[in-house]
């Protein structure tokens, strides 16, 4: 990679709340219980889970 093509990823474990913009494409997991995972693309809004606002954590890059 050179200076112009290098992309930086946010670290695994980064959190994002429902309604915020997803900072990194990958697999995200709800923090807490009940939990689930979902593939979410960078730039999309973080969704609620079971109709409730939640905190998501990035667990795997896309």
PDB file of N, CA and C in Angstrom:
ATOM      1  N   UNK A   1       0.833  -1.186   0.000  1.00  0.00           N
ATOM      2  CA  UNK A   1       0.000   0.000   0.000  1.00  0.00           C
ATOM      3  C   UNK A   1       0.875   1.245   0.000  1.00  0.00           C
ATOM      4  N   UNK A   2       0.427   2.238  -0.688  1.00  0.00           N
ATOM      5  CA  UNK A   2       1.148   3.501  -0.618  1.00  0.00           C
ATOM      6  C   UNK A   2       0.314   4.524   0.152  1.00  0.00           C
ATOM      7  N   UNK A   3       0.878   5.689   0.305  1.00  0.00           N
ATOM      8  CA  UNK A   3       0.243   6.743   1.097  1.00  0.00           C
ATOM      9  C   UNK A   3      -1.173   7.051   0.631  1.00  0.00           C
ATOM     10  N   UNK A   4      -1.410   7.021  -0.674  1.00  0.00           N
ATOM     11  CA  UNK A   4      -2.699   7.434  -1.217  1.00  0.00           C
ATOM     12  C   UNK A   4      -3.756   6.341  -1.171  1.00  0.00           C
ATOM     13  N   UNK A   5      -3.360   5.093  -1.090  1.00  0.00           N
ATOM     14  CA  UNK A   5      -4.341   4.015  -1.090  1.00  0.00           C
ATOM     15  C   UNK A   5      -4.529   3.387   0.290  1.00  0.00           C
ATOM     16  N   UNK A   6      -3.697   3.772   1.240  1.00  0.00           N
ATOM     17  CA  UNK A   6      -3.794   3.186   2.580  1.00  0.00           C
ATOM     18  C   UNK A   6      -5.101   3.602   3.241  1.00  0.00           C
ATOM     19  N   UNK A   7      -5.782   2.630   3.792  1.00  0.00           N
ATOM     20  CA  UNK A   7      -7.005   2.931   4.530  1.00  0.00           C
ATOM     21  C   UNK A   7      -6.819   2.453   5.960  1.00  0.00           C
ATOM     22  N   UNK A   8      -7.287   3.207   6.872  1.00  0.00           N
ATOM     23  CA  UNK A   8      -7.187   2.835   8.274  1.00  0.00           C
ATOM     24  C   UNK A   8      -8.527   2.315   8.741  1.00  0.00           C
ATOM     25  N   UNK A   9      -8.479   1.242   9.481  1.00  0.00           N
ATOM     26  CA  UNK A   9      -9.691   0.663  10.045  1.00  0.00           C
ATOM     27  C   UNK A   9      -9.822   1.074  11.498  1.00  0.00           C
ATOM     28  N   UNK A  10     -11.059   1.168  11.938  1.00  0.00           N
ATOM     29  CA  UNK A  10     -11.252   1.378  13.372  1.00  0.00           C
ATOM     30  C   UNK A  10     -10.920   0.058  14.051  1.00  0.00           C
ATOM     31  N   UNK A  11     -10.479   0.077  15.300  1.00  0.00           N
ATOM     32  CA  UNK A  11     -10.104  -1.176  15.958  1.00  0.00           C
ATOM     33  C   UNK A  11     -11.301  -2.062  16.282  1.00  0.00           C
ATOM     34  N   UNK A  12     -11.053  -3.376  16.280  1.00  0.00           N
ATOM     35  CA  UNK A  12     -12.081  -4.299  16.756  1.00  0.00           C
ATOM     36  C   UNK A  12     -12.417  -3.893  18.185  1.00  0.00           C
ATOM     37  N   UNK A  13     -13.690  -4.018  18.545  1.00  0.00           N
ATOM     38  CA  UNK A  13     -14.134  -3.595  19.870  1.00  0.00           C
ATOM     39  C   UNK A  13     -14.719  -2.193  19.874  1.00  0.00           C
ATOM     40  N   UNK A  14     -14.564  -1.476  18.749  1.00  0.00           N
ATOM     41  CA  UNK A  14     -15.174  -0.147  18.639  1.00  0.00           C
ATOM     42  C   UNK A  14     -16.672  -0.273  18.869  1.00  0.00           C
ATOM     43  N   UNK A  15     -17.256   0.690  19.564  1.00  0.00           N
ATOM     44  CA  UNK A  15     -18.698   0.646  19.810  1.00  0.00           C
ATOM     45  C   UNK A  15     -19.410   1.755  19.046  1.00  0.00           C
ATOM     46  N   UNK A  16     -20.672   1.491  18.743  1.00  0.00           N
ATOM     47  CA  UNK A  16     -21.533   2.468  18.070  1.00  0.00           C
ATOM     48  C   UNK A  16     -22.955   2.246  18.570  1.00  0.00           C
ATOM     49  N   UNK A  17     -23.662   3.323  18.764  1.00  0.00           N
ATOM     50  CA  UNK A  17     -25.034   3.243  19.279  1.00  0.00           C
ATOM     51  C   UNK A  17     -26.052   3.264  18.148  1.00  0.00           C
ATOM     52  N   UNK A  18     -27.209   2.690  18.403  1.00  0.00           N
ATOM     53  CA  UNK A  18     -28.318   2.742  17.456  1.00  0.00           C
ATOM     54  C   UNK A  18     -28.518   4.183  16.998  1.00  0.00           C
ATOM     55  N   UNK A  19     -28.656   4.357  15.690  1.00  0.00           N
ATOM     56  CA  UNK A  19     -28.889   5.677  15.116  1.00  0.00           C
ATOM     57  C   UNK A  19     -27.639   6.386  14.651  1.00  0.00           C
ATOM     58  N   UNK A  20     -26.467   5.949  15.128  1.00  0.00           N
ATOM     59  CA  UNK A  20     -25.219   6.570  14.684  1.00  0.00           C
ATOM     60  C   UNK A  20     -24.808   5.965  13.337  1.00  0.00           C
ATOM     61  N   UNK A  21     -23.864   6.601  12.680  1.00  0.00           N
ATOM     62  CA  UNK A  21     -23.359   6.113  11.390  1.00  0.00           C
ATOM     63  C   UNK A  21     -22.300   5.044  11.644  1.00  0.00           C
ATOM     64  N   UNK A  22     -22.432   3.923  10.955  1.00  0.00           N
ATOM     65  CA  UNK A  22     -21.484   2.824  11.116  1.00  0.00           C
ATOM     66  C   UNK A  22     -20.098   3.265  10.641  1.00  0.00           C
ATOM     67  N   UNK A  23     -19.086   3.160  11.514  1.00  0.00           N
ATOM     68  CA  UNK A  23     -17.748   3.627  11.144  1.00  0.00           C
ATOM     69  C   UNK A  23     -16.904   2.616  10.371  1.00  0.00           C
ATOM     70  N   UNK A  24     -17.344   1.350  10.299  1.00  0.00           N
ATOM     71  CA  UNK A  24     -16.540   0.305   9.651  1.00  0.00           C
ATOM     72  C   UNK A  24     -17.435  -0.855   9.233  1.00  0.00           C
ATOM     73  N   UNK A  25     -17.272  -1.323   8.001  1.00  0.00           N
ATOM     74  CA  UNK A  25     -18.014  -2.498   7.551  1.00  0.00           C
ATOM     75  C   UNK A  25     -17.511  -3.733   8.282  1.00  0.00           C
ATOM     76  N   UNK A  26     -18.440  -4.562   8.719  1.00  0.00           N
ATOM     77  CA  UNK A  26     -18.048  -5.785   9.398  1.00  0.00           C
ATOM     78  C   UNK A  26     -19.214  -6.419  10.120  1.00  0.00           C
ATOM     79  N   UNK A  27     -18.867  -7.333  11.002  1.00  0.00           N
ATOM     80  CA  UNK A  27     -19.871  -8.005  11.830  1.00  0.00           C
ATOM     81  C   UNK A  27     -19.902  -7.290  13.169  1.00  0.00           C
ATOM     82  N   UNK A  28     -21.078  -6.864  13.548  1.00  0.00           N
ATOM     83  CA  UNK A  28     -21.294  -6.130  14.785  1.00  0.00           C
ATOM     84  C   UNK A  28     -22.143  -6.971  15.725  1.00  0.00           C
ATOM     85  N   UNK A  29     -21.871  -6.858  17.024  1.00  0.00           N
ATOM     86  CA  UNK A  29     -22.598  -7.637  18.029  1.00  0.00           C
ATOM     87  C   UNK A  29     -23.192  -6.692  19.064  1.00  0.00           C
ATOM     88  N   UNK A  30     -24.447  -6.979  19.444  1.00  0.00           N
ATOM     89  CA  UNK A  30     -25.088  -6.199  20.499  1.00  0.00           C
ATOM     90  C   UNK A  30     -24.366  -6.460  21.817  1.00  0.00           C
ATOM     91  N   UNK A  31     -24.051  -5.383  22.533  1.00  0.00           N
ATOM     92  CA  UNK A  31     -23.425  -5.485  23.851  1.00  0.00           C
ATOM     93  C   UNK A  31     -24.555  -5.685  24.857  1.00  0.00           C
ATOM     94  N   UNK A  32     -24.497  -6.774  25.597  1.00  0.00           N
ATOM     95  CA  UNK A  32     -25.536  -7.049  26.595  1.00  0.00           C
ATOM     96  C   UNK A  32     -26.365  -8.257  26.230  1.00  0.00           C
ATOM     97  N   UNK A  33     -27.501  -8.362  26.886  1.00  0.00           N
ATOM     98  CA  UNK A  33     -28.373  -9.527  26.700  1.00  0.00           C
ATOM     99  C   UNK A  33     -29.799  -9.053  26.517  1.00  0.00           C
ATOM    100  N   UNK A  34     -30.583  -9.597  25.601  1.00  0.00           N
ATOM    101  CA  UNK A  34     -30.173 -10.613  24.635  1.00  0.00           C
ATOM    102  C   UNK A  34     -29.244 -10.013  23.587  1.00  0.00           C
ATOM    103  N   UNK A  35     -28.450 -10.859  22.985  1.00  0.00           N
ATOM    104  CA  UNK A  35     -27.482 -10.375  22.007  1.00  0.00           C
ATOM    105  C   UNK A  35     -27.733 -11.002  20.646  1.00  0.00           C
ATOM    106  N   UNK A  36     -27.171 -10.401  19.639  1.00  0.00           N
ATOM    107  CA  UNK A  36     -27.219 -10.919  18.279  1.00  0.00           C
ATOM    108  C   UNK A  36     -26.042 -10.325  17.527  1.00  0.00           C
ATOM    109  N   UNK A  37     -25.788 -10.827  16.343  1.00  0.00           N
ATOM    110  CA  UNK A  37     -24.780 -10.244  15.470  1.00  0.00           C
ATOM    111  C   UNK A  37     -25.445  -9.868  14.160  1.00  0.00           C
ATOM    112  N   UNK A  38     -24.832  -8.910  13.456  1.00  0.00           N
ATOM    113  CA  UNK A  38     -25.365  -8.487  12.163  1.00  0.00           C
ATOM    114  C   UNK A  38     -24.232  -7.911  11.320  1.00  0.00           C
ATOM    115  N   UNK A  39     -24.246  -8.201  10.015  1.00  0.00           N
ATOM    116  CA  UNK A  39     -23.288  -7.538   9.132  1.00  0.00           C
ATOM    117  C   UNK A  39     -23.824  -6.137   8.829  1.00  0.00           C
ATOM    118  N   UNK A  40     -23.008  -5.126   9.063  1.00  0.00           N
ATOM    119  CA  UNK A  40     -23.435  -3.745   8.838  1.00  0.00           C
ATOM    120  C   UNK A  40     -22.336  -3.044   8.040  1.00  0.00           C
ATOM    121  N   UNK A  41     -22.743  -2.342   6.984  1.00  0.00           N
ATOM    122  CA  UNK A  41     -21.789  -1.671   6.099  1.00  0.00           C
ATOM    123  C   UNK A  41     -21.480  -0.251   6.571  1.00  0.00           C
ATOM    124  N   UNK A  42     -20.232   0.142   6.380  1.00  0.00           N
ATOM    125  CA  UNK A  42     -19.792   1.491   6.719  1.00  0.00           C
ATOM    126  C   UNK A  42     -20.701   2.513   6.051  1.00  0.00           C
ATOM    127  N   UNK A  43     -21.115   3.514   6.814  1.00  0.00           N
ATOM    128  CA  UNK A  43     -21.969   4.571   6.284  1.00  0.00           C
ATOM    129  C   UNK A  43     -23.445   4.363   6.548  1.00  0.00           C
ATOM    130  N   UNK A  44     -23.852   3.124   6.860  1.00  0.00           N
ATOM    131  CA  UNK A  44     -25.250   2.866   7.193  1.00  0.00           C
ATOM    132  C   UNK A  44     -25.530   3.292   8.633  1.00  0.00           C
ATOM    133  N   UNK A  45     -26.783   3.497   8.957  1.00  0.00           N
ATOM    134  CA  UNK A  45     -27.164   3.802  10.338  1.00  0.00           C
ATOM    135  C   UNK A  45     -27.191   2.505  11.137  1.00  0.00           C
ATOM    136  N   UNK A  46     -26.689   2.578  12.358  1.00  0.00           N
ATOM    137  CA  UNK A  46     -26.720   1.407  13.247  1.00  0.00           C
ATOM    138  C   UNK A  46     -28.173   1.157  13.650  1.00  0.00           C
ATOM    139  N   UNK A  47     -28.628  -0.072  13.501  1.00  0.00           N
ATOM    140  CA  UNK A  47     -30.044  -0.370  13.736  1.00  0.00           C
ATOM    141  C   UNK A  47     -30.357  -0.644  15.211  1.00  0.00           C
ATOM    142  N   UNK A  48     -31.645  -0.591  15.536  1.00  0.00           N
ATOM    143  CA  UNK A  48     -32.064  -1.075  16.854  1.00  0.00           C
ATOM    144  C   UNK A  48     -32.091  -2.602  16.826  1.00  0.00           C
ATOM    145  N   UNK A  49     -32.239  -3.212  17.975  1.00  0.00           N
ATOM    146  CA  UNK A  49     -32.408  -4.661  18.051  1.00  0.00           C
ATOM    147  C   UNK A  49     -33.664  -4.931  18.853  1.00  0.00           C
ATOM    148  N   UNK A  50     -34.556  -5.727  18.292  1.00  0.00           N
ATOM    149  CA  UNK A  50     -35.843  -6.061  18.919  1.00  0.00           C
ATOM    150  C   UNK A  50     -36.608  -4.789  19.281  1.00  0.00           C
ATOM    151  N   UNK A  51     -36.477  -3.760  18.418  1.00  0.00           N
ATOM    152  CA  UNK A  51     -37.208  -2.521  18.624  1.00  0.00           C
ATOM    153  C   UNK A  51     -36.643  -1.607  19.700  1.00  0.00           C
ATOM    154  N   UNK A  52     -35.443  -1.908  20.181  1.00  0.00           N
ATOM    155  CA  UNK A  52     -34.835  -1.146  21.271  1.00  0.00           C
ATOM    156  C   UNK A  52     -33.477  -0.593  20.818  1.00  0.00           C
ATOM    157  N   UNK A  53     -33.170   0.640  21.230  1.00  0.00           N
ATOM    158  CA  UNK A  53     -31.850   1.208  20.963  1.00  0.00           C
ATOM    159  C   UNK A  53     -30.809   0.435  21.770  1.00  0.00           C
ATOM    160  N   UNK A  54     -29.713   0.076  21.108  1.00  0.00           N
ATOM    161  CA  UNK A  54     -28.671  -0.735  21.753  1.00  0.00           C
ATOM    162  C   UNK A  54     -27.291  -0.176  21.429  1.00  0.00           C
ATOM    163  N   UNK A  55     -26.290  -0.753  22.051  1.00  0.00           N
ATOM    164  CA  UNK A  55     -24.894  -0.468  21.746  1.00  0.00           C
ATOM    165  C   UNK A  55     -24.349  -1.671  20.982  1.00  0.00           C
ATOM    166  N   UNK A  56     -23.681  -1.401  19.874  1.00  0.00           N
ATOM    167  CA  UNK A  56     -23.078  -2.436  19.042  1.00  0.00           C
ATOM    168  C   UNK A  56     -21.560  -2.377  19.196  1.00  0.00           C
ATOM    169  N   UNK A  57     -20.905  -3.548  19.114  1.00  0.00           N
ATOM    170  CA  UNK A  57     -19.444  -3.626  19.139  1.00  0.00           C
ATOM    171  C   UNK A  57     -18.963  -4.359  17.885  1.00  0.00           C
ATOM    172  N   UNK A  58     -17.940  -3.809  17.233  1.00  0.00           N
ATOM    173  CA  UNK A  58     -17.360  -4.438  16.052  1.00  0.00           C
ATOM    174  C   UNK A  58     -16.551  -5.660  16.482  1.00  0.00           C
ATOM    175  N   UNK A  59     -16.909  -6.845  15.947  1.00  0.00           N
ATOM    176  CA  UNK A  59     -16.207  -8.062  16.336  1.00  0.00           C
ATOM    177  C   UNK A  59     -15.416  -8.704  15.200  1.00  0.00           C
ATOM    178  N   UNK A  60     -15.696  -8.273  13.943  1.00  0.00           N
ATOM    179  CA  UNK A  60     -14.989  -8.870  12.802  1.00  0.00           C
ATOM    180  C   UNK A  60     -15.069  -7.905  11.629  1.00  0.00           C
ATOM    181  N   UNK A  61     -13.958  -7.761  10.899  1.00  0.00           N
ATOM    182  CA  UNK A  61     -13.958  -6.919   9.701  1.00  0.00           C
ATOM    183  C   UNK A  61     -14.637  -7.650   8.563  1.00  0.00           C
ATOM    184  N   UNK A  62     -15.204  -6.866   7.624  1.00  0.00           N
ATOM    185  CA  UNK A  62     -15.856  -7.449   6.440  1.00  0.00           C
ATOM    186  C   UNK A  62     -14.798  -7.913   5.451  1.00  0.00           C
TER     187      UNK A  62
END
